[in-house]
Amino acid sequence: MVRFIDNGVILNFESARNLYFWLGERLQEMESVEKAKAAMNFPVKDSEITH
């Protein structure tokens, strides 16, 4: 069975900006981890994120 749920998020300007900032920080952290893995020659396992 496949279900499709269409929804949306309504944010005020301040909340949207805070979310944007927070996501940017998480992306930078993920990029740093990926660079460190590449530098240490860790094998990539189907690009799975485990946490």
N, C-alpha and C. Protein backbone atom coordinates (compact mmCIF):
# COMPACT_ATOMS: atom_id res chain seq x y z
N MET A 1 0.84 -1.17 0.00
CA MET A 1 0.00 0.00 0.00
C MET A 1 0.89 1.24 0.00
N VAL A 2 0.54 2.20 -0.79
CA VAL A 2 1.28 3.46 -0.87
C VAL A 2 0.33 4.58 -0.49
N ARG A 3 0.81 5.44 0.38
CA ARG A 3 0.00 6.59 0.78
C ARG A 3 0.77 7.86 0.44
N PHE A 4 0.06 8.82 -0.02
CA PHE A 4 0.64 10.12 -0.32
C PHE A 4 -0.04 11.14 0.55
N ILE A 5 0.75 11.85 1.32
CA ILE A 5 0.20 12.89 2.19
C ILE A 5 0.83 14.21 1.78
N ASP A 6 0.01 15.11 1.37
CA ASP A 6 0.47 16.45 0.98
C ASP A 6 0.19 17.37 2.15
N ASN A 7 1.26 18.01 2.66
CA ASN A 7 1.07 18.94 3.76
C ASN A 7 2.01 20.11 3.58
N GLY A 8 1.88 21.05 4.43
CA GLY A 8 2.72 22.23 4.33
C GLY A 8 3.07 22.74 5.72
N VAL A 9 3.97 23.69 5.74
CA VAL A 9 4.41 24.29 6.99
C VAL A 9 4.25 25.79 6.85
N ILE A 10 3.68 26.38 7.86
CA ILE A 10 3.53 27.84 7.86
C ILE A 10 4.38 28.38 9.00
N LEU A 11 5.30 29.25 8.66
CA LEU A 11 6.20 29.84 9.64
C LEU A 11 6.17 31.35 9.53
N ASN A 12 6.40 32.00 10.65
CA ASN A 12 6.61 33.44 10.55
C ASN A 12 8.06 33.67 10.11
N PHE A 13 8.40 34.88 9.81
CA PHE A 13 9.72 35.19 9.27
C PHE A 13 10.84 34.77 10.21
N GLU A 14 10.69 35.06 11.49
CA GLU A 14 11.74 34.74 12.46
C GLU A 14 11.94 33.23 12.57
N SER A 15 10.86 32.47 12.65
CA SER A 15 10.97 31.01 12.74
C SER A 15 11.59 30.43 11.48
N ALA A 16 11.20 30.94 10.32
CA ALA A 16 11.76 30.47 9.06
C ALA A 16 13.26 30.75 9.01
N ARG A 17 13.66 31.92 9.43
CA ARG A 17 15.09 32.26 9.42
C ARG A 17 15.86 31.38 10.40
N ASN A 18 15.30 31.11 11.57
CA ASN A 18 15.96 30.23 12.55
C ASN A 18 16.09 28.81 12.01
N LEU A 19 15.05 28.32 11.36
CA LEU A 19 15.10 26.99 10.77
C LEU A 19 16.15 26.93 9.67
N TYR A 20 16.19 27.94 8.83
CA TYR A 20 17.18 28.03 7.76
C TYR A 20 18.60 28.00 8.34
N PHE A 21 18.83 28.77 9.40
CA PHE A 21 20.13 28.82 10.04
C PHE A 21 20.49 27.46 10.63
N TRP A 22 19.54 26.82 11.32
CA TRP A 22 19.77 25.53 11.95
C TRP A 22 20.09 24.47 10.91
N LEU A 23 19.34 24.43 9.82
CA LEU A 23 19.61 23.46 8.75
C LEU A 23 20.99 23.68 8.14
N GLY A 24 21.35 24.94 7.96
CA GLY A 24 22.68 25.25 7.43
C GLY A 24 23.79 24.71 8.31
N GLU A 25 23.61 24.85 9.63
CA GLU A 25 24.60 24.32 10.55
C GLU A 25 24.71 22.80 10.45
N ARG A 26 23.56 22.11 10.38
CA ARG A 26 23.57 20.65 10.26
C ARG A 26 24.24 20.22 8.97
N LEU A 27 24.00 20.93 7.87
CA LEU A 27 24.63 20.60 6.60
C LEU A 27 26.14 20.78 6.68
N GLN A 28 26.59 21.84 7.33
CA GLN A 28 28.02 22.05 7.49
C GLN A 28 28.65 20.93 8.30
N GLU A 29 27.95 20.49 9.35
CA GLU A 29 28.46 19.38 10.15
C GLU A 29 28.57 18.10 9.32
N MET A 30 27.54 17.83 8.52
CA MET A 30 27.55 16.63 7.68
C MET A 30 28.67 16.70 6.65
N GLU A 31 28.88 17.87 6.06
CA GLU A 31 29.97 18.03 5.09
C GLU A 31 31.31 17.79 5.76
N SER A 32 31.49 18.28 6.97
CA SER A 32 32.74 18.07 7.70
C SER A 32 32.98 16.59 7.97
N VAL A 33 31.94 15.89 8.35
CA VAL A 33 32.06 14.45 8.60
C VAL A 33 32.43 13.72 7.32
N GLU A 34 31.77 14.07 6.22
CA GLU A 34 32.06 13.42 4.94
C GLU A 34 33.50 13.69 4.50
N LYS A 35 33.97 14.91 4.69
CA LYS A 35 35.35 15.24 4.34
C LYS A 35 36.33 14.45 5.20
N ALA A 36 36.01 14.33 6.49
CA ALA A 36 36.89 13.57 7.39
C ALA A 36 36.91 12.10 6.98
N LYS A 37 35.77 11.55 6.63
CA LYS A 37 35.71 10.15 6.18
C LYS A 37 36.54 9.97 4.92
N ALA A 38 36.41 10.90 3.98
CA ALA A 38 37.16 10.81 2.73
C ALA A 38 38.66 10.89 3.00
N ALA A 39 39.05 11.75 3.94
CA ALA A 39 40.46 11.90 4.27
C ALA A 39 41.03 10.64 4.91
N MET A 40 40.17 9.89 5.60
CA MET A 40 40.61 8.67 6.27
C MET A 40 40.34 7.44 5.41
N ASN A 41 39.85 7.65 4.20
CA ASN A 41 39.57 6.58 3.24
C ASN A 41 38.58 5.54 3.76
N PHE A 42 37.55 6.01 4.47
CA PHE A 42 36.49 5.10 4.88
C PHE A 42 35.67 4.71 3.67
N PRO A 43 35.30 3.44 3.56
CA PRO A 43 34.44 3.04 2.43
C PRO A 43 33.03 3.61 2.60
N VAL A 44 32.45 4.04 1.51
CA VAL A 44 31.08 4.55 1.54
C VAL A 44 30.14 3.36 1.40
N LYS A 45 29.19 3.26 2.31
CA LYS A 45 28.27 2.12 2.33
C LYS A 45 26.90 2.57 1.86
N ASP A 46 26.68 2.56 0.57
CA ASP A 46 25.38 2.93 -0.03
C ASP A 46 24.89 4.30 0.44
N SER A 47 25.79 5.16 0.84
CA SER A 47 25.46 6.52 1.29
C SER A 47 24.38 6.53 2.36
N GLU A 48 24.40 5.54 3.24
CA GLU A 48 23.41 5.49 4.31
C GLU A 48 23.82 6.43 5.44
N ILE A 49 22.86 7.11 5.98
CA ILE A 49 23.08 7.92 7.17
C ILE A 49 22.51 7.12 8.33
N THR A 50 23.33 6.84 9.31
CA THR A 50 22.91 5.96 10.39
C THR A 50 22.38 6.72 11.59
N HIS A 51 22.58 8.04 11.64
CA HIS A 51 22.06 8.81 12.76
C HIS A 51 21.96 10.26 12.40
